[in-house]
Protein backbone atom coordinates (compact mmCIF):
# COMPACT_ATOMS: atom_id res chain seq x y z
CA MET A 1 -37.26 48.98 14.69
CA THR A 2 -37.84 46.83 12.23
CA LYS A 3 -39.84 43.71 12.60
CA LYS A 4 -38.94 40.23 11.11
CA PHE A 5 -40.85 39.15 8.31
CA ASP A 6 -41.02 35.82 6.86
CA LEU A 7 -40.48 36.18 2.83
CA SER A 8 -41.85 33.37 2.13
CA LEU A 9 -45.27 35.76 2.45
CA LEU A 10 -43.84 38.18 -0.04
CA PRO A 11 -46.98 38.74 -2.22
CA ALA A 12 -46.98 38.40 -5.68
CA THR A 13 -47.46 42.11 -6.54
CA PRO A 14 -47.27 45.02 -4.11
CA THR A 15 -50.88 45.74 -2.50
CA LEU A 16 -52.31 48.70 -0.84
CA GLU A 17 -52.70 46.41 2.45
CA PHE A 18 -51.01 48.81 4.65
CA GLU A 19 -52.25 51.90 3.36
CA GLU A 20 -56.02 50.67 3.42
CA ARG A 21 -55.61 50.16 6.94
CA LEU A 22 -53.96 53.55 7.87
CA TRP A 23 -57.01 55.23 5.49
CA THR A 24 -59.62 52.87 7.79
CA SER A 25 -58.13 54.32 10.93
CA GLY A 26 -58.74 57.71 9.75
CA THR A 27 -55.10 58.60 8.87
CA ARG A 28 -55.89 60.36 5.06
CA PHE A 29 -52.32 61.25 3.67
CA VAL A 30 -49.92 58.02 3.85
CA ALA A 31 -46.81 58.90 2.11
CA GLY A 32 -44.73 55.94 0.13
CA ILE A 33 -40.85 56.72 0.57
CA ASP A 34 -37.91 54.85 -1.26
CA GLU A 35 -34.57 55.81 -2.79
CA ALA A 36 -32.38 55.01 -5.44
CA GLY A 37 -28.56 54.92 -5.92
CA ARG A 38 -26.89 54.45 -2.09
CA GLY A 39 -24.42 52.02 -4.43
CA PRO A 40 -23.16 53.63 -7.28
CA LEU A 41 -19.67 55.20 -7.57
CA ALA A 42 -20.81 58.27 -9.02
CA GLY A 43 -23.75 60.73 -9.06
CA PRO A 44 -26.30 61.68 -6.48
CA VAL A 45 -28.44 59.47 -4.40
CA SER A 46 -32.27 60.38 -4.99
CA ALA A 47 -35.35 59.82 -3.21
CA ALA A 48 -39.03 59.50 -4.14
CA VAL A 49 -42.39 60.47 -2.25
CA VAL A 50 -45.85 59.67 -3.33
CA ILE A 51 -49.24 60.05 -1.81
CA PHE A 52 -52.46 58.28 -3.30
CA PRO A 53 -55.74 59.12 -2.97
CA ALA A 54 -57.43 56.92 0.07
CA ASP A 55 -59.03 54.74 -2.94
CA PRO A 56 -58.45 50.78 -3.26
CA SER A 57 -59.28 51.34 -6.89
CA VAL A 58 -55.70 52.61 -7.34
CA ALA A 59 -54.30 49.17 -6.86
CA MET A 60 -55.98 48.42 -10.31
CA GLN A 61 -54.94 51.21 -11.87
CA LEU A 62 -51.53 50.23 -10.98
CA LYS A 63 -51.20 46.53 -11.34
CA GLY A 64 -48.37 46.30 -13.42
CA VAL A 65 -46.07 48.36 -10.63
CA ARG A 66 -43.22 46.49 -9.20
CA ASP A 67 -40.08 46.87 -7.21
CA SER A 68 -38.21 49.39 -9.87
CA LYS A 69 -35.49 46.70 -9.78
CA GLN A 70 -37.71 43.99 -11.49
CA MET A 71 -38.82 46.56 -14.13
CA THR A 72 -36.84 47.18 -17.26
CA PRO A 73 -36.25 50.70 -18.01
CA THR A 74 -38.80 51.19 -20.85
CA ASN A 75 -41.29 50.14 -18.66
CA ARG A 76 -40.42 51.95 -15.49
CA GLU A 77 -40.57 55.38 -17.59
CA ILE A 78 -44.28 53.93 -18.39
CA TRP A 79 -45.62 53.44 -15.05
CA SER A 80 -43.67 56.47 -13.83
CA ALA A 81 -45.96 58.59 -15.84
CA ARG A 82 -48.98 56.19 -14.85
CA ILE A 83 -48.07 56.74 -11.32
CA LYS A 84 -47.63 60.26 -11.50
CA ALA A 85 -51.38 60.41 -12.95
CA GLN A 86 -52.83 58.60 -10.02
CA ALA A 87 -50.99 60.53 -7.22
CA LEU A 88 -52.74 63.60 -5.00
CA THR A 89 -49.03 64.53 -4.98
CA TYR A 90 -45.42 63.30 -5.56
CA ALA A 91 -41.77 64.78 -5.13
CA ILE A 92 -38.13 64.12 -5.86
CA GLY A 93 -35.17 65.13 -3.71
CA PHE A 94 -31.25 64.55 -4.25
CA ALA A 95 -28.32 64.75 -2.48
CA SER A 96 -25.12 65.23 -4.33
CA PRO A 97 -21.92 63.25 -4.19
CA LEU A 98 -20.24 66.10 -2.14
CA GLU A 99 -23.07 65.58 0.39
CA ILE A 100 -22.60 61.72 0.35
CA ASP A 101 -18.94 62.42 1.12
CA ASN A 102 -19.29 64.65 3.64
CA LEU A 103 -22.32 63.36 5.60
CA GLY A 104 -22.01 59.68 4.55
CA ILE A 105 -24.46 57.80 2.22
CA LEU A 106 -27.05 56.83 5.16
CA PRO A 107 -27.43 60.56 6.50
CA ALA A 108 -27.47 62.09 2.65
CA THR A 109 -30.19 59.86 1.80
CA HIS A 110 -31.98 61.20 4.46
CA LEU A 111 -31.33 64.42 3.61
CA ALA A 112 -32.56 63.39 -0.04
CA ILE A 113 -36.05 62.39 1.38
CA ARG A 114 -36.71 65.65 3.55
CA ARG A 115 -35.83 67.47 0.40
CA ALA A 116 -38.79 65.40 -1.55
CA LEU A 117 -40.88 65.88 1.34
CA GLY A 118 -40.47 69.46 1.51
CA LYS A 119 -41.44 69.83 -2.03
CA LEU A 120 -44.86 67.96 -1.52
CA SER A 121 -48.12 70.18 -2.13
CA PHE A 122 -49.00 69.36 1.36
CA PRO A 123 -47.38 67.52 4.00
CA PRO A 124 -48.22 63.61 4.75
CA ASP A 125 -49.65 62.13 8.03
CA HIS A 126 -47.88 58.99 7.81
CA LEU A 127 -44.98 57.63 5.99
CA LEU A 128 -44.12 54.25 4.99
CA LEU A 129 -40.35 53.41 4.01
CA ASP A 130 -38.83 50.53 2.61
CA TYR A 131 -36.88 49.58 5.82
CA LEU A 132 -35.37 53.13 6.68
CA ILE A 133 -36.42 55.39 9.87
CA LEU A 134 -36.35 59.25 9.07
CA PRO A 135 -34.70 60.62 12.06
CA GLY A 136 -36.36 63.58 13.61
CA PHE A 137 -39.44 63.29 11.43
CA PRO A 138 -42.63 64.65 13.34
CA LYS A 139 -45.02 62.62 12.08
CA PRO A 140 -45.51 58.50 12.53
CA GLN A 141 -43.63 56.38 10.26
CA THR A 142 -43.90 52.64 8.97
CA PRO A 143 -40.31 50.78 8.28
CA LEU A 144 -41.31 48.19 6.22
CA VAL A 145 -38.95 44.83 5.51
CA LYS A 146 -39.23 44.66 1.63
CA GLY A 147 -41.42 47.39 1.50
CA ASP A 148 -41.03 48.11 -2.28
CA ALA A 149 -42.16 44.46 -2.73
CA ARG A 150 -45.03 44.97 -0.48
CA SER A 151 -46.32 48.52 -0.33
CA LEU A 152 -47.78 49.67 -3.71
CA SER A 153 -46.78 53.13 -2.42
CA ILE A 154 -43.31 52.59 -1.59
CA ALA A 155 -43.14 50.55 -4.97
CA ALA A 156 -44.12 53.47 -6.99
CA ALA A 157 -41.63 55.99 -4.76
CA SER A 158 -39.09 53.17 -5.91
CA ILE A 159 -40.15 53.88 -9.94
CA LEU A 160 -40.16 57.20 -9.31
CA ALA A 161 -36.90 57.59 -7.66
CA LYS A 162 -34.98 55.01 -10.05
CA THR A 163 -36.22 56.94 -13.03
CA ALA A 164 -35.71 60.16 -12.02
CA ARG A 165 -31.63 59.44 -11.25
CA ASP A 166 -31.13 57.56 -14.37
CA ASN A 167 -32.36 60.50 -16.56
CA LEU A 168 -29.99 62.61 -14.51
CA MET A 169 -27.11 60.02 -15.04
CA CYS A 170 -28.08 60.61 -18.84
CA GLU A 171 -27.45 64.28 -18.60
CA LEU A 172 -24.50 64.38 -16.79
CA ASP A 173 -23.27 61.57 -19.07
CA VAL A 174 -23.08 64.63 -21.49
CA LEU A 175 -21.34 67.11 -19.35
CA TYR A 176 -18.80 64.48 -18.18
CA PRO A 177 -18.06 62.25 -21.30
CA GLY A 178 -15.83 59.03 -21.11
CA TYR A 179 -17.16 57.43 -18.17
CA SER A 180 -20.50 55.98 -19.88
CA PHE A 181 -22.62 57.24 -17.00
CA ALA A 182 -26.00 56.72 -19.27
CA SER A 183 -25.13 53.07 -19.58
CA HIS A 184 -23.92 52.39 -16.03
CA LYS A 185 -25.36 55.00 -14.16
CA GLY A 186 -22.62 55.22 -11.81
CA TYR A 187 -22.51 51.78 -10.50
CA GLY A 188 -18.75 50.34 -9.87
CA THR A 189 -19.25 47.90 -13.28
CA PRO A 190 -15.83 46.63 -14.45
CA ALA A 191 -16.17 49.02 -17.49
CA HIS A 192 -16.60 52.05 -14.93
CA LEU A 193 -13.36 50.87 -12.85
CA ARG A 194 -11.49 50.70 -15.87
CA THR A 195 -12.13 54.17 -16.95
CA LEU A 196 -11.58 55.11 -13.66
CA ALA A 197 -8.20 54.06 -13.69
CA ARG A 198 -7.60 55.51 -16.89
CA LEU A 199 -8.94 59.05 -16.49
CA GLY A 200 -9.19 59.44 -12.70
CA PRO A 201 -12.86 60.75 -10.98
CA CYS A 202 -14.36 63.66 -12.18
CA PRO A 203 -16.48 65.90 -10.17
CA ILE A 204 -19.79 63.65 -9.45
CA HIS A 205 -17.54 60.48 -8.25
CA ARG A 206 -17.57 60.05 -4.68
CA LEU A 207 -14.54 60.09 -3.77
CA SER A 208 -15.19 58.84 -0.06
CA PHE A 209 -16.16 55.77 -1.47
CA ARG A 210 -13.89 52.36 -1.03
CA PRO A 211 -13.01 52.31 -4.84
CA LEU A 212 -12.39 55.66 -5.25
CA LYS A 213 -9.79 55.87 -2.11
CA LEU A 214 -8.22 53.12 -3.82
CA LEU A 215 -7.70 54.36 -7.24
CA THR A 216 -6.59 57.82 -5.80
CA PHE A 217 -3.53 56.28 -4.23
CA THR A 218 -2.62 53.53 -6.47
CA PRO A 219 -5.02 53.23 -9.61
CA ASN A 220 -2.92 50.61 -11.75
CA GLU A 221 -2.02 47.86 -8.38
CA LYS A 222 -5.86 47.83 -7.68
CA LEU A 223 -7.30 47.72 -11.26
CA GLY A 224 -7.65 44.12 -10.82
CA ASP A 225 -9.04 44.02 -7.30
CA LEU A 226 -11.64 46.81 -8.52
CA VAL A 227 -12.89 45.36 -11.68
CA SER A 228 -13.12 42.01 -9.41
CA GLN A 229 -14.98 43.71 -7.40
CA GLY A 230 -17.23 45.42 -9.66
CA ARG A 231 -18.23 42.06 -10.68
CA ASN A 232 -19.23 40.98 -7.65
CA LYS A 233 -21.59 43.85 -6.64
């Protein structure tokens, strides 16, 4: 269970407070974990894991790191390279649209996290996650409300997950032209919904998501509602 958190206590930037507590207690390899792409109508969900050295000076080296949603694409790319240079180990995992449809978005997110963990050079001793709990993981884990705004390791993972997914969506834009995936990254923007009504879904769309279900049966009648939903997201 996650504890309630007073949002007025959010730090100005993510810190190593939680990591340092664990390092001091003898926990050496603390992994920050975050995901990207749970909400889009197309493309995979991604997850990243980052383990920094038990060195408080990392915070100064990565002073510009924020929750990825607060950064521009250019800044995310710049900081992604710096995060990788500072990390002891890091990894990114994906779960496909088909897996999302078959499992559900939360289990698919867990699957992406497990795949990322499996790619690390060595296993973590403790997980710091943005609100989530990873079922069945044998090591201790701490879910943090607004974790990407509080923990530098989680914020770093959010940047790696976001940049990896965005880059993949640009590649998929070439494979599936006409949908503008490089622009909206699969999210349900009005332009994306209009394209769906015109072209129908392609193989990387999440057919289990409600807008896709509506389009499958009555695309023209539901288009106005879908565009409105896209504006409200």
